[in-house]
Protein backbone atom coordinates (compact mmCIF):
# COMPACT_ATOMS: atom_id res chain seq x y z
CA MET A 1 415.97 222.71 -46.96
CA SER A 2 413.89 219.58 -47.47
CA ALA A 3 412.04 217.99 -44.55
CA VAL A 4 413.24 214.49 -43.67
CA THR A 5 410.67 211.93 -42.51
CA VAL A 6 411.63 208.58 -40.98
CA ARG A 7 409.35 205.57 -41.45
CA GLU A 8 409.58 201.77 -41.26
CA ALA A 9 409.15 199.12 -43.95
CA THR A 10 408.41 195.50 -43.05
CA LEU A 11 409.82 193.08 -45.60
CA ARG A 12 409.58 189.31 -45.91
CA GLU A 13 409.72 187.23 -42.74
CA GLY A 14 409.01 190.34 -40.68
CA LEU A 15 412.35 192.06 -41.35
CA VAL A 16 411.89 195.71 -40.36
CA LEU A 17 414.02 198.40 -42.01
CA PRO A 18 413.81 202.08 -41.06
CA TYR A 19 414.02 204.47 -43.97
CA ALA A 20 414.18 208.22 -44.47
CA GLU A 21 412.21 210.13 -47.11
CA ALA A 22 412.81 213.63 -48.45
CA GLY A 23 412.11 215.76 -51.50
CA GLY A 24 408.89 216.08 -53.44
CA PRO A 25 406.17 213.41 -53.10
CA SER A 26 405.58 213.49 -56.86
CA GLY A 27 409.27 213.68 -57.74
CA THR A 28 411.26 210.98 -59.54
CA PRO A 29 412.04 208.14 -57.10
CA VAL A 30 415.68 207.96 -56.04
CA VAL A 31 416.83 205.20 -53.67
CA LEU A 32 420.02 205.88 -51.69
CA VAL A 33 421.93 202.73 -50.71
CA HIS A 34 424.41 203.15 -47.87
CA GLY A 35 427.69 201.33 -47.43
CA TYR A 36 429.45 199.25 -44.80
CA VAL A 37 428.14 199.68 -41.20
CA ASP A 38 426.39 202.95 -42.09
CA SER A 39 422.66 203.72 -41.89
CA TRP A 40 420.30 206.16 -43.59
CA TRP A 41 421.95 208.88 -41.49
CA THR A 42 425.02 208.87 -43.74
CA PHE A 43 422.82 210.55 -46.38
CA GLU A 44 421.38 213.23 -44.09
CA PRO A 45 423.43 216.00 -45.80
CA LEU A 46 421.89 214.95 -49.14
CA LEU A 47 418.37 214.36 -47.88
CA ARG A 48 417.92 217.82 -46.43
CA ARG A 49 419.04 219.33 -49.75
CA MET A 50 416.77 217.24 -51.98
CA PRO A 51 414.86 219.30 -54.58
CA SER A 52 411.15 218.78 -55.13
CA SER A 53 411.95 217.16 -58.49
CA LEU A 54 413.28 214.11 -56.61
CA HIS A 55 411.57 211.81 -54.11
CA ALA A 56 414.44 210.28 -52.15
CA TYR A 57 414.26 207.11 -50.07
CA ALA A 58 417.17 206.00 -47.89
CA PRO A 59 416.66 202.60 -46.22
CA THR A 60 418.85 201.32 -43.41
CA GLN A 61 419.98 197.81 -44.36
CA ARG A 62 419.64 194.71 -42.21
CA GLY A 63 422.03 194.53 -39.27
CA HIS A 64 422.80 198.25 -39.46
CA GLY A 65 421.58 201.22 -37.45
CA ASP A 66 418.11 200.63 -36.02
CA ALA A 67 417.19 197.94 -38.56
CA ASP A 68 416.45 194.39 -37.45
CA LYS A 69 419.56 192.27 -37.00
CA PRO A 70 418.85 188.68 -38.08
CA PRO A 71 421.52 186.03 -37.45
CA ASP A 72 422.46 185.72 -41.13
CA GLY A 73 421.95 187.24 -44.57
CA TYR A 74 424.93 189.59 -44.90
CA LEU A 75 426.23 188.75 -48.37
CA PRO A 76 425.94 191.38 -51.13
CA GLU A 77 423.29 189.11 -52.71
CA ASP A 78 421.21 189.27 -49.53
CA PHE A 79 421.36 193.05 -49.37
CA ALA A 80 420.38 193.24 -53.07
CA THR A 81 417.38 190.99 -52.43
CA ASP A 82 416.35 193.24 -49.54
CA LEU A 83 416.68 196.30 -51.77
CA VAL A 84 414.22 194.93 -54.32
CA ALA A 85 411.86 193.86 -51.51
CA PHE A 86 412.08 197.37 -50.06
CA MET A 87 411.13 198.91 -53.39
CA ASP A 88 408.20 196.52 -53.63
CA ARG A 89 407.06 197.31 -50.10
CA VAL A 90 407.02 201.10 -50.49
CA GLY A 91 405.55 200.97 -53.99
CA ILE A 92 408.53 202.01 -56.12
CA GLU A 93 408.16 200.48 -59.58
CA ARG A 94 411.26 202.12 -61.05
CA ALA A 95 413.93 204.34 -59.54
CA VAL A 96 417.38 205.79 -59.90
CA LEU A 97 419.64 203.83 -57.54
CA VAL A 98 422.42 205.75 -55.82
CA GLY A 99 424.94 203.37 -54.25
CA ALA A 100 427.52 204.82 -51.89
CA SER A 101 430.81 203.03 -51.25
CA SER A 102 430.12 199.29 -50.81
CA GLY A 103 426.37 200.02 -51.10
CA GLY A 104 427.06 200.41 -54.79
CA VAL A 105 427.70 196.67 -55.01
CA GLN A 106 424.14 195.70 -54.15
CA ALA A 107 422.84 198.60 -56.25
CA ARG A 108 424.66 197.32 -59.32
CA ILE A 109 423.52 193.74 -58.65
CA VAL A 110 419.93 195.02 -58.79
CA ALA A 111 420.66 197.15 -61.87
CA GLY A 112 422.11 194.14 -63.69
CA ARG A 113 419.34 191.72 -62.78
CA TYR A 114 416.29 193.97 -62.80
CA PRO A 115 416.90 196.65 -65.45
CA ASP A 116 413.17 197.26 -65.71
CA ARG A 117 413.21 198.49 -62.09
CA VAL A 118 416.21 200.81 -62.50
CA ALA A 119 416.05 204.05 -64.50
CA GLY A 120 419.70 204.79 -63.84
CA LEU A 121 422.60 203.97 -61.55
CA VAL A 122 424.84 206.41 -59.65
CA LEU A 123 427.98 205.01 -58.01
CA LEU A 124 429.45 207.30 -55.34
CA GLY A 125 432.97 206.12 -54.59
CA VAL A 126 432.22 202.46 -55.32
CA PRO A 127 435.01 199.87 -55.53
CA VAL A 128 435.43 197.44 -58.40
CA THR A 129 436.77 194.94 -55.86
CA LEU A 130 438.13 194.94 -52.32
CA ALA A 131 439.97 191.63 -52.19
CA ASP A 132 443.15 193.09 -53.74
CA LYS A 133 443.36 196.15 -51.48
CA PRO A 134 445.92 196.23 -48.62
CA ALA A 135 443.64 198.62 -46.69
CA ALA A 136 440.79 196.09 -46.87
CA ALA A 137 443.07 193.28 -45.65
CA GLU A 138 444.22 195.48 -42.77
CA LEU A 139 440.62 196.31 -41.88
CA TRP A 140 439.70 192.61 -41.94
CA GLU A 141 442.49 191.79 -39.50
CA ALA A 142 441.00 194.32 -37.07
CA VAL A 143 437.35 193.46 -37.70
CA ARG A 144 437.72 189.71 -37.28
CA GLN A 145 438.89 190.32 -33.72
CA LEU A 146 436.06 192.69 -32.75
CA GLU A 147 433.91 191.87 -29.75
CA ASP A 148 430.76 193.50 -28.41
CA PRO A 149 430.51 196.27 -27.56
CA VAL A 150 432.56 197.52 -30.48
CA GLU A 151 435.15 199.96 -29.20
CA ARG A 152 434.27 203.59 -29.93
CA GLY A 153 437.83 204.67 -30.66
CA PHE A 154 438.09 202.07 -33.43
CA VAL A 155 434.89 203.34 -35.04
CA GLU A 156 436.01 206.98 -34.79
CA ARG A 157 439.29 206.18 -36.53
CA PHE A 158 437.40 204.25 -39.21
CA ALA A 159 435.06 207.18 -39.93
CA LEU A 160 437.78 209.86 -39.81
CA GLY A 161 439.83 207.99 -42.39
CA MET A 162 437.15 208.42 -45.06
CA THR A 163 437.45 212.17 -45.72
CA ALA A 164 440.05 214.49 -47.19
CA GLU A 165 438.58 217.53 -45.46
CA PRO A 166 436.98 217.96 -42.02
CA VAL A 167 433.20 217.58 -41.78
CA ALA A 168 430.89 218.97 -39.11
CA ARG A 169 431.79 217.42 -35.77
CA GLY A 170 428.16 216.90 -34.75
CA PHE A 171 427.39 215.04 -37.97
CA LEU A 172 430.49 212.85 -37.61
CA GLU A 173 429.53 211.98 -34.03
CA THR A 174 426.09 210.90 -35.27
CA VAL A 175 427.69 208.71 -37.94
CA VAL A 176 429.90 207.09 -35.29
CA GLU A 177 426.87 206.44 -33.06
CA GLU A 178 425.10 204.82 -35.99
CA ASN A 179 428.15 202.66 -36.82
CA LEU A 180 428.25 201.52 -33.19
CA LYS A 181 424.74 200.10 -33.53
CA ALA A 182 426.08 197.34 -35.79
CA PRO A 183 427.18 194.41 -33.60
CA ALA A 184 430.60 192.85 -34.08
CA ARG A 185 429.15 189.90 -36.01
CA VAL A 186 427.61 192.27 -38.58
CA TRP A 187 430.94 194.07 -39.01
CA ARG A 188 432.54 190.66 -39.59
CA GLU A 189 429.98 188.95 -41.80
CA THR A 190 429.32 191.98 -44.01
CA LEU A 191 433.02 192.55 -44.63
CA ARG A 192 433.59 188.82 -45.14
CA GLY A 193 430.87 188.85 -47.80
CA LEU A 194 432.49 191.80 -49.59
CA LEU A 195 435.91 190.16 -49.54
CA GLU A 196 434.79 186.68 -50.60
CA THR A 197 432.29 187.70 -53.31
CA ASP A 198 433.54 188.30 -56.85
CA LEU A 199 432.61 191.98 -56.85
CA ARG A 200 434.05 192.57 -60.30
CA ALA A 201 431.44 190.18 -61.72
CA THR A 202 428.66 192.44 -60.43
CA LEU A 203 429.64 194.99 -63.08
CA SER A 204 428.75 192.60 -65.87
CA GLY A 205 425.43 192.93 -67.62
CA ILE A 206 424.60 196.48 -66.51
CA LEU A 207 422.79 198.17 -69.39
CA VAL A 208 421.12 201.07 -67.58
CA PRO A 209 422.60 204.59 -67.73
CA THR A 210 425.40 204.78 -65.17
CA LEU A 211 427.28 207.67 -63.56
CA ALA A 212 430.38 207.14 -61.42
CA VAL A 213 431.54 209.82 -58.97
CA TRP A 214 435.05 209.66 -57.50
CA GLY A 215 437.11 211.97 -55.27
CA ASP A 216 440.70 212.27 -56.39
CA ARG A 217 441.90 212.11 -52.76
CA ASP A 218 440.05 208.88 -52.03
CA PRO A 219 442.34 206.83 -49.73
CA ILE A 220 440.77 203.55 -50.86
CA LEU A 221 439.83 203.76 -54.53
CA THR A 222 442.06 204.52 -57.50
CA ARG A 223 441.46 206.30 -60.76
CA GLU A 224 442.34 203.05 -62.55
CA GLU A 225 439.44 201.12 -61.06
CA GLN A 226 437.05 203.91 -61.93
CA GLN A 227 438.33 203.47 -65.49
CA THR A 228 437.47 199.77 -65.16
CA ILE A 229 433.87 200.78 -64.47
CA LEU A 230 433.87 202.95 -67.60
CA ASP A 231 435.40 200.16 -69.67
CA THR A 232 432.95 197.53 -68.39
CA VAL A 233 429.62 199.38 -68.20
CA ILE A 234 428.60 200.48 -71.69
CA GLY A 235 427.89 204.21 -71.92
CA SER A 236 428.88 204.98 -68.34
CA ARG A 237 430.60 208.24 -67.48
CA LEU A 238 432.75 209.57 -64.65
CA ILE A 239 432.76 212.82 -62.69
CA VAL A 240 435.93 213.51 -60.71
CA TYR A 241 435.68 215.68 -57.59
CA GLU A 242 439.02 217.35 -56.98
CA GLY A 243 440.28 217.53 -53.40
CA VAL A 244 437.61 215.14 -52.12
CA GLY A 245 438.02 211.84 -50.25
CA HIS A 246 435.98 208.65 -50.17
CA VAL A 247 432.64 210.15 -49.09
CA ALA A 248 431.88 212.99 -51.49
CA TYR A 249 428.32 213.08 -50.15
CA TRP A 250 429.70 214.30 -46.79
CA GLU A 251 432.26 216.73 -48.20
CA ARG A 252 430.34 218.13 -51.20
CA PRO A 253 426.64 217.38 -50.55
CA GLU A 254 425.34 220.33 -52.58
CA ARG A 255 427.29 219.26 -55.65
CA VAL A 256 426.35 215.60 -55.25
CA VAL A 257 422.66 216.52 -55.10
CA ARG A 258 423.02 218.70 -58.20
CA ASP A 259 424.76 215.90 -60.10
CA ILE A 260 422.14 213.32 -59.04
CA ALA A 261 419.33 215.69 -60.05
CA ALA A 262 420.89 216.43 -63.45
CA PHE A 263 421.52 212.73 -64.11
CA THR A 264 417.97 211.85 -63.07
CA GLU A 265 416.53 214.47 -65.37
CA ASP A 266 418.57 213.03 -68.26
CA VAL A 267 417.43 209.42 -67.71
CA SER A 268 413.80 210.02 -66.70
């Protein structure tokens, strides 16, 4: 098992983001980008399995977890800008970006705009768009009414709905605790940004090697939209995990690490 070290990175205007590091110090840089209301903790099952050939970084994004929570800046564009600033701050010139769920949106924005900084792109259960999804509309109706403190039962139901198979109870409780650290306004503004931004447009112009990973029991994403990724991003390929839900990195962490390592070796 790989040791996991937690540090802090101070970006522009004093924005402080915690981040976790694991793997080999001289390994190929891999930056893990978490999704909606998560933190670096969502990648803990991957981080502790990182091989020495990879040097993994997992930043917690603004407003989430123990990161600073400024009053604004919660559009996908803002998170993408922070991601590049994070890479600058910790000295990563070029990396494989691994975007999980909605974190894949800001990862692909960076891949499209700064191809010289991105060796490859891995999309773990990433939507093409959310605006046309009934589940997203239902979530918005609940989120827009949230008040602080966010109710724990709501967060538990949100987290439990992501998997097709049970995950370790202790890990799930940690994820819920991390989700609860995001105030109601961050839940609202981050989801508003995802719903109002043309997410499909963020697939355009990606020329770096791209791997999509999708669980065939994902309650949110369809096989058809994964095909849209393949049709839009030249040379991209898809790996389907059978019997897996939305968060393959919780349900099949060993396999996800193997697939990331193999992809990284191919593009490095």
